[in-house]
Amino acid sequence: MMTRMSFGGDEHIFVELDEEMSLDACFRALSLARAVRASGIKGITEVCPANASFLVRFDPDVIAPDDLRAELVSLDQATERAEPLLNTRIIEVPVFYNDPWTRETLMRFRERHQAPDMTDLEYAAQINNYASVDALIAAHAASPWFVSMVGFVAGLPWLYQMVERAKQIEVPKYLRPRTDTPRLTVGHGGCLGCMYSVRGAGGYQMFGITPMPIYDPAQSISYLRDFMILFNPGDIVRFRPIGREEYDAIAAEVAAGRFVPRISPVVFSLDAFHADPAASNAKLVGALNGH
């Protein structure tokens, strides 16, 4: 991968690690963005990571643009030589797939869809050559997902499936965006998954819904009192399929202030993942069970 840096006005440098989306590009962008934050370079006011790039905002009265670019080039070279390890965490997200709320919503917008006579899950299963919706759901929940960035709306995580590229679920977005998407919908568009942190417009295919809030600006939910947004870039997500009964039980626990997500610290090795994705994923998921 060839890093490209370009100036955006007087106060920004855009750092692009690759034009193509991949786990390697996500990892490199995140690692370099973290190194920039930790560098203590005077004049940097903000670092905003994205899927395969990040944006640096700086004060040109404190550091000259060309001097900052030279510092970034040096950090890029240093992180490229470093062993690709990430101290992060894995978070379990319960998902009610094929739920009644996203199903009702998708049926209201069939005229905007590629296959008006199919549900989003049926369409995704067909174009990814799965024999059934259940088989697609099993594949969606089988592997962890890497949080490549957080944004678009507050608290919304973008998710990259941690499998070999040939096994990735891929499905186009709606032909025209919906004007409504239920809060906490688990969606998929292109090669990326997401969780809609708030109700609103959207174009991703709707697979299910989670009862677990991921964004709370009031910070009244027990596990979001320290910070209103649950996910950070670099987090790893494990989706766990649940039914209606467990969905209702978790929703009640959330309302009562008793629900606590399952979260475990993990070390993710990109080299270990490439050597044996299944073993690497099993180790990550095993951390949730204390293995």
C-alpha atoms as a PDB file:
ATOM      1  CA  MET A   1       0.000   0.000   0.000  1.00  0.00           C
ATOM      2  CA  MET A   2       1.218   3.475  -0.884  1.00  0.00           C
ATOM      3  CA  THR A   3       0.310   6.219   1.606  1.00  0.00           C
ATOM      4  CA  ARG A   4      -0.894   9.427  -0.019  1.00  0.00           C
ATOM      5  CA  MET A   5      -1.071  12.745   1.834  1.00  0.00           C
ATOM      6  CA  SER A   6      -2.816  15.833   0.516  1.00  0.00           C
ATOM      7  CA  PHE A   7      -3.649  19.204   2.013  1.00  0.00           C
ATOM      8  CA  GLY A   8      -7.245  20.258   2.585  1.00  0.00           C
ATOM      9  CA  GLY A   9      -7.340  24.015   2.915  1.00  0.00           C
ATOM     10  CA  ASP A  10      -5.078  25.656   5.486  1.00  0.00           C
ATOM     11  CA  GLU A  11      -5.821  23.403   8.466  1.00  0.00           C
ATOM     12  CA  HIS A  12      -6.116  19.803   7.293  1.00  0.00           C
ATOM     13  CA  ILE A  13      -4.039  16.952   5.900  1.00  0.00           C
ATOM     14  CA  PHE A  14      -5.853  13.971   4.420  1.00  0.00           C
ATOM     15  CA  VAL A  15      -3.901  10.714   4.800  1.00  0.00           C
ATOM     16  CA  GLU A  16      -5.056   7.900   2.502  1.00  0.00           C
ATOM     17  CA  LEU A  17      -3.591   4.444   3.058  1.00  0.00           C
ATOM     18  CA  ASP A  18      -5.284   2.747   0.116  1.00  0.00           C
ATOM     19  CA  GLU A  19      -7.982   3.398  -2.464  1.00  0.00           C
ATOM     20  CA  GLU A  20      -9.334  -0.107  -1.926  1.00  0.00           C
ATOM     21  CA  MET A  21     -11.206  -1.126   1.203  1.00  0.00           C
ATOM     22  CA  SER A  22      -9.603  -4.054   3.081  1.00  0.00           C
ATOM     23  CA  LEU A  23      -8.869  -5.202   6.623  1.00  0.00           C
ATOM     24  CA  ASP A  24      -5.192  -4.398   6.030  1.00  0.00           C
ATOM     25  CA  ALA A  25      -6.042  -0.838   4.984  1.00  0.00           C
ATOM     26  CA  CYS A  26      -8.364  -0.426   7.996  1.00  0.00           C
ATOM     27  CA  PHE A  27      -5.666  -1.689  10.327  1.00  0.00           C
ATOM     28  CA  ARG A  28      -2.917   0.510   8.875  1.00  0.00           C
ATOM     29  CA  ALA A  29      -5.093   3.631   8.932  1.00  0.00           C
ATOM     30  CA  LEU A  30      -6.121   3.016  12.529  1.00  0.00           C
ATOM     31  CA  SER A  31      -2.573   2.205  13.667  1.00  0.00           C
ATOM     32  CA  LEU A  32      -1.136   5.323  12.041  1.00  0.00           C
ATOM     33  CA  ALA A  33      -3.956   7.528  13.365  1.00  0.00           C
ATOM     34  CA  ARG A  34      -3.271   6.243  16.877  1.00  0.00           C
ATOM     35  CA  ALA A  35       0.446   6.879  16.441  1.00  0.00           C
ATOM     36  CA  VAL A  36      -0.289  10.444  15.357  1.00  0.00           C
ATOM     37  CA  ARG A  37      -2.460  10.986  18.436  1.00  0.00           C
ATOM     38  CA  ALA A  38       0.242   9.573  20.708  1.00  0.00           C
ATOM     39  CA  SER A  39       3.071  11.508  19.054  1.00  0.00           C
ATOM     40  CA  GLY A  40       2.506  14.761  20.923  1.00  0.00           C
ATOM     41  CA  ILE A  41       3.217  16.815  17.779  1.00  0.00           C
ATOM     42  CA  LYS A  42       2.425  20.394  18.719  1.00  0.00           C
ATOM     43  CA  GLY A  43      -0.245  22.028  16.620  1.00  0.00           C
ATOM     44  CA  ILE A  44      -2.394  18.942  15.954  1.00  0.00           C
ATOM     45  CA  THR A  45      -5.910  19.616  17.206  1.00  0.00           C
ATOM     46  CA  GLU A  46      -7.868  16.596  15.930  1.00  0.00           C
ATOM     47  CA  VAL A  47      -7.388  13.205  14.269  1.00  0.00           C
ATOM     48  CA  CYS A  48     -10.447  11.639  12.640  1.00  0.00           C
ATOM     49  CA  PRO A  49     -10.029   8.032  11.369  1.00  0.00           C
ATOM     50  CA  ALA A  50     -12.056   6.511   8.524  1.00  0.00           C
ATOM     51  CA  ASN A  51     -12.191   3.148   6.737  1.00  0.00           C
ATOM     52  CA  ALA A  52      -8.838   3.356   4.932  1.00  0.00           C
ATOM     53  CA  SER A  53      -7.776   6.910   5.694  1.00  0.00           C
ATOM     54  CA  PHE A  54      -7.831   9.635   8.313  1.00  0.00           C
ATOM     55  CA  LEU A  55      -7.942  13.409   8.535  1.00  0.00           C
ATOM     56  CA  VAL A  56      -5.584  15.511  10.641  1.00  0.00           C
ATOM     57  CA  ARG A  57      -6.588  19.013  11.685  1.00  0.00           C
ATOM     58  CA  PHE A  58      -3.807  21.330  12.768  1.00  0.00           C
ATOM     59  CA  ASP A  59      -3.042  24.935  13.661  1.00  0.00           C
ATOM     60  CA  PRO A  60      -0.784  26.413  10.930  1.00  0.00           C
ATOM     61  CA  ASP A  61       0.301  29.142  13.355  1.00  0.00           C
ATOM     62  CA  VAL A  62       1.891  26.447  15.535  1.00  0.00           C
ATOM     63  CA  ILE A  63       3.297  24.066  12.911  1.00  0.00           C
ATOM     64  CA  ALA A  64       3.953  24.722   9.232  1.00  0.00           C
ATOM     65  CA  PRO A  65       2.019  22.416   6.865  1.00  0.00           C
ATOM     66  CA  ASP A  66       5.169  21.002   5.227  1.00  0.00           C
ATOM     67  CA  ASP A  67       6.746  20.365   8.644  1.00  0.00           C
ATOM     68  CA  LEU A  68       3.668  18.440   9.774  1.00  0.00           C
ATOM     69  CA  ARG A  69       3.656  16.438   6.558  1.00  0.00           C
ATOM     70  CA  ALA A  70       7.292  15.469   7.184  1.00  0.00           C
ATOM     71  CA  GLU A  71       6.372  14.339  10.713  1.00  0.00           C
ATOM     72  CA  LEU A  72       3.530  12.233   9.355  1.00  0.00           C
ATOM     73  CA  VAL A  73       5.775  10.614   6.740  1.00  0.00           C
ATOM     74  CA  SER A  74       8.213   9.651   9.512  1.00  0.00           C
ATOM     75  CA  LEU A  75       5.427   8.132  11.634  1.00  0.00           C
ATOM     76  CA  ASP A  76       4.070   6.272   8.594  1.00  0.00           C
ATOM     77  CA  GLN A  77       7.455   4.664   7.968  1.00  0.00           C
ATOM     78  CA  ALA A  78       7.809   3.700  11.641  1.00  0.00           C
ATOM     79  CA  THR A  79       4.359   2.084  11.903  1.00  0.00           C
ATOM     80  CA  GLU A  80       4.857   0.236   8.607  1.00  0.00           C
ATOM     81  CA  ARG A  81       7.876  -1.531  10.129  1.00  0.00           C
ATOM     82  CA  ALA A  82       6.083  -2.346  13.409  1.00  0.00           C
ATOM     83  CA  GLU A  83       4.468  -5.712  14.100  1.00  0.00           C
ATOM     84  CA  PRO A  84       0.736  -5.363  13.283  1.00  0.00           C
ATOM     85  CA  LEU A  85      -0.798  -5.806  16.754  1.00  0.00           C
ATOM     86  CA  LEU A  86      -3.781  -4.012  18.235  1.00  0.00           C
ATOM     87  CA  ASN A  87      -4.780  -3.865  21.895  1.00  0.00           C
ATOM     88  CA  THR A  88      -8.543  -3.609  21.687  1.00  0.00           C
ATOM     89  CA  ARG A  89     -11.729  -5.263  22.936  1.00  0.00           C
ATOM     90  CA  ILE A  90     -14.424  -7.603  21.650  1.00  0.00           C
ATOM     91  CA  ILE A  91     -18.058  -6.673  22.254  1.00  0.00           C
ATOM     92  CA  GLU A  92     -20.972  -9.094  21.964  1.00  0.00           C
ATOM     93  CA  VAL A  93     -24.084  -7.675  20.302  1.00  0.00           C
ATOM     94  CA  PRO A  94     -27.326  -9.709  20.508  1.00  0.00           C
ATOM     95  CA  VAL A  95     -29.307  -9.507  17.253  1.00  0.00           C
ATOM     96  CA  PHE A  96     -32.912 -10.430  16.544  1.00  0.00           C
ATOM     97  CA  TYR A  97     -32.589 -11.308  12.859  1.00  0.00           C
ATOM     98  CA  ASN A  98     -35.633 -11.151  10.572  1.00  0.00           C
ATOM     99  CA  ASP A  99     -37.472  -9.166  13.228  1.00  0.00           C
ATOM    100  CA  PRO A 100     -40.966  -7.694  12.729  1.00  0.00           C
ATOM    101  CA  TRP A 101     -39.911  -4.016  12.949  1.00  0.00           C
ATOM    102  CA  THR A 102     -37.327  -3.943  10.155  1.00  0.00           C
ATOM    103  CA  ARG A 103     -39.559  -6.269   8.128  1.00  0.00           C
ATOM    104  CA  GLU A 104     -42.483  -3.837   8.411  1.00  0.00           C
ATOM    105  CA  THR A 105     -40.178  -0.985   7.436  1.00  0.00           C
ATOM    106  CA  LEU A 106     -38.642  -2.713   4.426  1.00  0.00           C
ATOM    107  CA  MET A 107     -42.083  -3.646   3.111  1.00  0.00           C
ATOM    108  CA  ARG A 108     -42.990   0.081   3.051  1.00  0.00           C
ATOM    109  CA  PHE A 109     -40.057   0.797   0.742  1.00  0.00           C
ATOM    110  CA  ARG A 110     -40.115  -2.094  -1.756  1.00  0.00           C
ATOM    111  CA  GLU A 111     -40.440   0.267  -4.714  1.00  0.00           C
ATOM    112  CA  ARG A 112     -36.942   1.538  -3.877  1.00  0.00           C
ATOM    113  CA  HIS A 113     -35.423  -1.937  -3.801  1.00  0.00           C
ATOM    114  CA  GLN A 114     -33.706  -4.056  -6.463  1.00  0.00           C
ATOM    115  CA  ALA A 115     -36.028  -6.995  -5.744  1.00  0.00           C
ATOM    116  CA  PRO A 116     -39.477  -5.684  -4.720  1.00  0.00           C
ATOM    117  CA  ASP A 117     -40.843  -9.223  -4.369  1.00  0.00           C
ATOM    118  CA  MET A 118     -38.183 -10.293  -1.839  1.00  0.00           C
ATOM    119  CA  THR A 119     -37.211  -9.187   1.652  1.00  0.00           C
ATOM    120  CA  ASP A 120     -33.761  -7.711   2.252  1.00  0.00           C
ATOM    121  CA  LEU A 121     -32.548 -10.978   3.813  1.00  0.00           C
ATOM    122  CA  GLU A 122     -33.959 -13.072   0.972  1.00  0.00           C
ATOM    123  CA  TYR A 123     -32.272 -10.841  -1.588  1.00  0.00           C
ATOM    124  CA  ALA A 124     -28.936 -10.898   0.263  1.00  0.00           C
ATOM    125  CA  ALA A 125     -29.077 -14.687   0.587  1.00  0.00           C
ATOM    126  CA  GLN A 126     -29.785 -15.121  -3.122  1.00  0.00           C
ATOM    127  CA  ILE A 127     -27.038 -12.870  -4.481  1.00  0.00           C
ATOM    128  CA  ASN A 128     -24.485 -14.340  -2.064  1.00  0.00           C
ATOM    129  CA  ASN A 129     -25.428 -17.902  -3.114  1.00  0.00           C
ATOM    130  CA  TYR A 130     -26.798 -19.029   0.246  1.00  0.00           C
ATOM    131  CA  ALA A 131     -29.464 -21.699   0.100  1.00  0.00           C
ATOM    132  CA  SER A 132     -31.708 -19.955   2.629  1.00  0.00           C
ATOM    133  CA  VAL A 133     -32.102 -16.914   4.835  1.00  0.00           C
ATOM    134  CA  ASP A 134     -31.076 -19.050   7.823  1.00  0.00           C
ATOM    135  CA  ALA A 135     -27.810 -19.930   6.070  1.00  0.00           C
ATOM    136  CA  LEU A 136     -27.099 -16.238   5.424  1.00  0.00           C
ATOM    137  CA  ILE A 137     -27.828 -15.356   9.057  1.00  0.00           C
ATOM    138  CA  ALA A 138     -25.517 -18.145  10.228  1.00  0.00           C
ATOM    139  CA  ALA A 139     -22.722 -16.790   8.028  1.00  0.00           C
ATOM    140  CA  HIS A 140     -23.330 -13.220   9.187  1.00  0.00           C
ATOM    141  CA  ALA A 141     -23.036 -14.229  12.848  1.00  0.00           C
ATOM    142  CA  ALA A 142     -20.263 -16.800  12.411  1.00  0.00           C
ATOM    143  CA  SER A 143     -17.297 -14.431  12.241  1.00  0.00           C
ATOM    144  CA  PRO A 144     -16.338 -11.269  14.162  1.00  0.00           C
ATOM    145  CA  TRP A 145     -16.544  -7.802  12.604  1.00  0.00           C
ATOM    146  CA  PHE A 146     -13.918  -5.040  12.789  1.00  0.00           C
ATOM    147  CA  VAL A 147     -15.105  -1.499  13.592  1.00  0.00           C
ATOM    148  CA  SER A 148     -13.334   0.451  10.870  1.00  0.00           C
ATOM    149  CA  MET A 149     -14.793   3.855  11.762  1.00  0.00           C
ATOM    150  CA  VAL A 150     -17.585   5.548  13.723  1.00  0.00           C
ATOM    151  CA  GLY A 151     -19.615   8.303  12.156  1.00  0.00           C
ATOM    152  CA  PHE A 152     -22.048   9.521   9.502  1.00  0.00           C
ATOM    153  CA  VAL A 153     -24.459   9.933  12.392  1.00  0.00           C
ATOM    154  CA  ALA A 154     -23.314   9.971  16.010  1.00  0.00           C
ATOM    155  CA  GLY A 155     -22.352   6.559  17.338  1.00  0.00           C
ATOM    156  CA  LEU A 156     -22.905   4.587  14.109  1.00  0.00           C
ATOM    157  CA  PRO A 157     -20.175   1.919  13.673  1.00  0.00           C
ATOM    158  CA  TRP A 158     -19.002   0.795  10.240  1.00  0.00           C
ATOM    159  CA  LEU A 159     -18.111  -2.901  10.294  1.00  0.00           C
ATOM    160  CA  TYR A 160     -15.789  -4.996   8.154  1.00  0.00           C
ATOM    161  CA  GLN A 161     -16.340  -8.769   8.157  1.00  0.00           C
ATOM    162  CA  MET A 162     -13.271 -10.649   9.384  1.00  0.00           C
ATOM    163  CA  VAL A 163     -13.164 -13.468   6.846  1.00  0.00           C
ATOM    164  CA  GLU A 164     -11.219 -14.229   3.705  1.00  0.00           C
ATOM    165  CA  ARG A 165     -12.216 -11.816   0.966  1.00  0.00           C
ATOM    166  CA  ALA A 166     -13.925 -14.522  -1.106  1.00  0.00           C
ATOM    167  CA  LYS A 167     -16.251 -15.295   1.826  1.00  0.00           C
ATOM    168  CA  GLN A 168     -17.370 -11.728   2.510  1.00  0.00           C
ATOM    169  CA  ILE A 169     -21.063 -10.962   2.359  1.00  0.00           C
ATOM    170  CA  GLU A 170     -21.639  -8.271  -0.265  1.00  0.00           C
ATOM    171  CA  VAL A 171     -24.949  -6.689  -1.191  1.00  0.00           C
ATOM    172  CA  PRO A 172     -25.760  -3.350  -2.861  1.00  0.00           C
ATOM    173  CA  LYS A 173     -27.607  -0.570  -1.088  1.00  0.00           C
ATOM    174  CA  TYR A 174     -31.202   0.282  -1.957  1.00  0.00           C
ATOM    175  CA  LEU A 175     -31.715   1.891  -5.363  1.00  0.00           C
ATOM    176  CA  ARG A 176     -33.061   4.951  -3.525  1.00  0.00           C
ATOM    177  CA  PRO A 177     -32.576   5.503   0.208  1.00  0.00           C
ATOM    178  CA  ARG A 178     -35.418   4.934   2.630  1.00  0.00           C
ATOM    179  CA  THR A 179     -36.761   7.852   4.643  1.00  0.00           C
ATOM    180  CA  ASP A 180     -37.041   5.603   7.701  1.00  0.00           C
ATOM    181  CA  THR A 181     -34.895   2.993   9.432  1.00  0.00           C
ATOM    182  CA  PRO A 182     -35.638   1.682  12.941  1.00  0.00           C
ATOM    183  CA  ARG A 183     -33.164   2.617  15.664  1.00  0.00           C
ATOM    184  CA  LEU A 184     -30.579  -0.117  16.313  1.00  0.00           C
ATOM    185  CA  THR A 185     -31.096  -1.810  12.946  1.00  0.00           C
ATOM    186  CA  VAL A 186     -28.233  -4.062  11.856  1.00  0.00           C
ATOM    187  CA  GLY A 187     -27.656  -3.272   8.189  1.00  0.00           C
ATOM    188  CA  HIS A 188     -25.358  -4.159   5.314  1.00  0.00           C
ATOM    189  CA  GLY A 189     -24.300  -2.314   2.165  1.00  0.00           C
ATOM    190  CA  GLY A 190     -21.495  -3.213  -0.223  1.00  0.00           C
ATOM    191  CA  CYS A 191     -18.893  -5.052   1.876  1.00  0.00           C
ATOM    192  CA  LEU A 192     -19.691  -3.091   5.057  1.00  0.00           C
ATOM    193  CA  GLY A 193     -22.061  -3.695   7.921  1.00  0.00           C
ATOM    194  CA  CYS A 194     -23.402  -1.064  10.289  1.00  0.00           C
ATOM    195  CA  MET A 195     -25.688  -0.494  13.254  1.00  0.00           C
ATOM    196  CA  TYR A 196     -28.061   2.452  13.011  1.00  0.00           C
ATOM    197  CA  SER A 197     -27.580   4.299  16.300  1.00  0.00           C
ATOM    198  CA  VAL A 198     -30.700   6.442  15.783  1.00  0.00           C
ATOM    199  CA  ARG A 199     -33.880   6.238  13.752  1.00  0.00           C
ATOM    200  CA  GLY A 200     -33.642   7.928  10.381  1.00  0.00           C
ATOM    201  CA  ALA A 201     -33.016   7.648   6.673  1.00  0.00           C
ATOM    202  CA  GLY A 202     -30.840   4.858   5.297  1.00  0.00           C
ATOM    203  CA  GLY A 203     -30.000   2.777   2.281  1.00  0.00           C
ATOM    204  CA  TYR A 204     -28.397  -0.366   3.706  1.00  0.00           C
ATOM    205  CA  GLN A 205     -30.192  -3.720   3.546  1.00  0.00           C
ATOM    206  CA  MET A 206     -31.854  -4.457   6.901  1.00  0.00           C
ATOM    207  CA  PHE A 207     -30.955  -7.809   8.476  1.00  0.00           C
ATOM    208  CA  GLY A 208     -32.214  -7.445  12.055  1.00  0.00           C
ATOM    209  CA  ILE A 209     -32.253  -5.312  15.172  1.00  0.00           C
ATOM    210  CA  THR A 210     -30.462  -5.299  18.517  1.00  0.00           C
ATOM    211  CA  PRO A 211     -32.064  -4.438  21.879  1.00  0.00           C
ATOM    212  CA  MET A 212     -28.705  -3.080  23.083  1.00  0.00           C
ATOM    213  CA  PRO A 213     -28.382   0.730  22.815  1.00  0.00           C
ATOM    214  CA  ILE A 214     -25.071   1.935  21.366  1.00  0.00           C
ATOM    215  CA  TYR A 215     -25.609   5.709  21.656  1.00  0.00           C
ATOM    216  CA  ASP A 216     -27.119   7.728  24.480  1.00  0.00           C
ATOM    217  CA  PRO A 217     -26.628  11.530  24.415  1.00  0.00           C
ATOM    218  CA  ALA A 218     -28.349  11.780  27.821  1.00  0.00           C
ATOM    219  CA  GLN A 219     -25.838   9.255  29.237  1.00  0.00           C
ATOM    220  CA  SER A 220     -28.589   7.703  31.369  1.00  0.00           C
ATOM    221  CA  ILE A 221     -27.927   4.107  30.263  1.00  0.00           C
ATOM    222  CA  SER A 222     -25.660   2.405  32.791  1.00  0.00           C
ATOM    223  CA  TYR A 223     -22.843   1.365  30.446  1.00  0.00           C
ATOM    224  CA  LEU A 224     -22.908   4.671  28.513  1.00  0.00           C
ATOM    225  CA  ARG A 225     -22.620   7.038  31.487  1.00  0.00           C
ATOM    226  CA  ASP A 226     -18.894   7.656  31.016  1.00  0.00           C
ATOM    227  CA  PHE A 227     -19.236   8.322  27.284  1.00  0.00           C
ATOM    228  CA  MET A 228     -22.357   8.543  25.136  1.00  0.00           C
ATOM    229  CA  ILE A 229     -20.940   6.378  22.286  1.00  0.00           C
ATOM    230  CA  LEU A 230     -20.201   2.681  22.800  1.00  0.00           C
ATOM    231  CA  PHE A 231     -17.921   1.851  19.883  1.00  0.00           C
ATOM    232  CA  ASN A 232     -14.414   2.999  19.027  1.00  0.00           C
ATOM    233  CA  PRO A 233     -12.531   2.366  15.766  1.00  0.00           C
ATOM    234  CA  GLY A 234     -10.607  -0.881  16.233  1.00  0.00           C
ATOM    235  CA  ASP A 235     -13.249  -2.552  18.405  1.00  0.00           C
ATOM    236  CA  ILE A 236     -14.284  -6.059  17.363  1.00  0.00           C
ATOM    237  CA  VAL A 237     -17.957  -7.077  17.327  1.00  0.00           C
ATOM    238  CA  ARG A 238     -19.448 -10.508  17.719  1.00  0.00           C
ATOM    239  CA  PHE A 239     -23.107 -10.799  16.661  1.00  0.00           C
ATOM    240  CA  ARG A 240     -25.146 -13.367  18.644  1.00  0.00           C
ATOM    241  CA  PRO A 241     -28.520 -14.402  17.179  1.00  0.00           C
ATOM    242  CA  ILE A 242     -31.465 -14.205  19.600  1.00  0.00           C
ATOM    243  CA  GLY A 243     -35.216 -14.718  19.380  1.00  0.00           C
ATOM    244  CA  ARG A 244     -38.152 -12.523  20.364  1.00  0.00           C
ATOM    245  CA  GLU A 245     -38.281 -13.762  23.961  1.00  0.00           C
ATOM    246  CA  GLU A 246     -34.633 -12.922  24.645  1.00  0.00           C
ATOM    247  CA  TYR A 247     -34.989  -9.627  22.774  1.00  0.00           C
ATOM    248  CA  ASP A 248     -37.812  -8.589  25.102  1.00  0.00           C
ATOM    249  CA  ALA A 249     -35.893  -9.754  28.177  1.00  0.00           C
ATOM    250  CA  ILE A 250     -32.792  -7.724  27.239  1.00  0.00           C
ATOM    251  CA  ALA A 251     -34.909  -4.671  26.407  1.00  0.00           C
ATOM    252  CA  ALA A 252     -36.463  -4.923  29.870  1.00  0.00           C
ATOM    253  CA  GLU A 253     -33.021  -5.219  31.467  1.00  0.00           C
ATOM    254  CA  VAL A 254     -31.862  -2.122  29.570  1.00  0.00           C
ATOM    255  CA  ALA A 255     -34.927  -0.169  30.712  1.00  0.00           C
ATOM    256  CA  ALA A 256     -34.298  -1.222  34.318  1.00  0.00           C
ATOM    257  CA  GLY A 257     -30.649  -0.199  34.135  1.00  0.00           C
ATOM    258  CA  ARG A 258     -29.402  -3.730  34.761  1.00  0.00           C
ATOM    259  CA  PHE A 259     -28.096  -4.749  31.340  1.00  0.00           C
ATOM    260  CA  VAL A 260     -24.322  -4.929  30.907  1.00  0.00           C
ATOM    261  CA  PRO A 261     -22.826  -5.840  27.498  1.00  0.00           C
ATOM    262  CA  ARG A 262     -20.322  -8.672  27.331  1.00  0.00           C
ATOM    263  CA  ILE A 263     -16.967  -7.007  26.648  1.00  0.00           C
ATOM    264  CA  SER A 264     -13.488  -8.516  26.909  1.00  0.00           C
ATOM    265  CA  PRO A 265     -10.021  -7.081  26.225  1.00  0.00           C
ATOM    266  CA  VAL A 266      -8.177  -8.789  23.365  1.00  0.00           C
ATOM    267  CA  VAL A 267      -4.989  -8.453  21.365  1.00  0.00           C
ATOM    268  CA  PHE A 268      -5.606  -8.722  17.634  1.00  0.00           C
ATOM    269  CA  SER A 269      -2.730  -9.824  15.418  1.00  0.00           C
ATOM    270  CA  LEU A 270      -3.169  -9.090  11.726  1.00  0.00           C
ATOM    271  CA  ASP A 271      -0.426 -11.587  10.853  1.00  0.00           C
ATOM    272  CA  ALA A 272      -2.133 -14.335  12.876  1.00  0.00           C
ATOM    273  CA  PHE A 273      -5.426 -13.566  11.166  1.00  0.00           C
ATOM    274  CA  HIS A 274      -3.906 -13.874   7.694  1.00  0.00           C
ATOM    275  CA  ALA A 275      -2.139 -17.107   8.662  1.00  0.00           C
ATOM    276  CA  ASP A 276      -5.337 -18.766   9.953  1.00  0.00           C
ATOM    277  CA  PRO A 277      -8.510 -16.637  10.009  1.00  0.00           C
ATOM    278  CA  ALA A 278     -10.655 -19.339  11.650  1.00  0.00           C
ATOM    279  CA  ALA A 279      -8.212 -19.915  14.512  1.00  0.00           C
ATOM    280  CA  SER A 280      -7.688 -16.184  15.023  1.00  0.00           C
ATOM    281  CA  ASN A 281     -11.434 -15.559  15.144  1.00  0.00           C
ATOM    282  CA  ALA A 282     -12.005 -18.469  17.523  1.00  0.00           C
ATOM    283  CA  LYS A 283      -9.423 -17.014  19.893  1.00  0.00           C
ATOM    284  CA  LEU A 284     -11.092 -13.591  19.801  1.00  0.00           C
ATOM    285  CA  VAL A 285     -14.587 -14.982  20.426  1.00  0.00           C
ATOM    286  CA  GLY A 286     -13.212 -17.288  23.107  1.00  0.00           C
ATOM    287  CA  ALA A 287     -12.146 -14.245  25.118  1.00  0.00           C
ATOM    288  CA  LEU A 288     -15.824 -13.516  25.754  1.00  0.00           C
ATOM    289  CA  ASN A 289     -16.076 -16.900  27.466  1.00  0.00           C
ATOM    290  CA  GLY A 290     -12.848 -16.516  29.403  1.00  0.00           C
ATOM    291  CA  HIS A 291     -10.912 -18.900  27.132  1.00  0.00           C
END
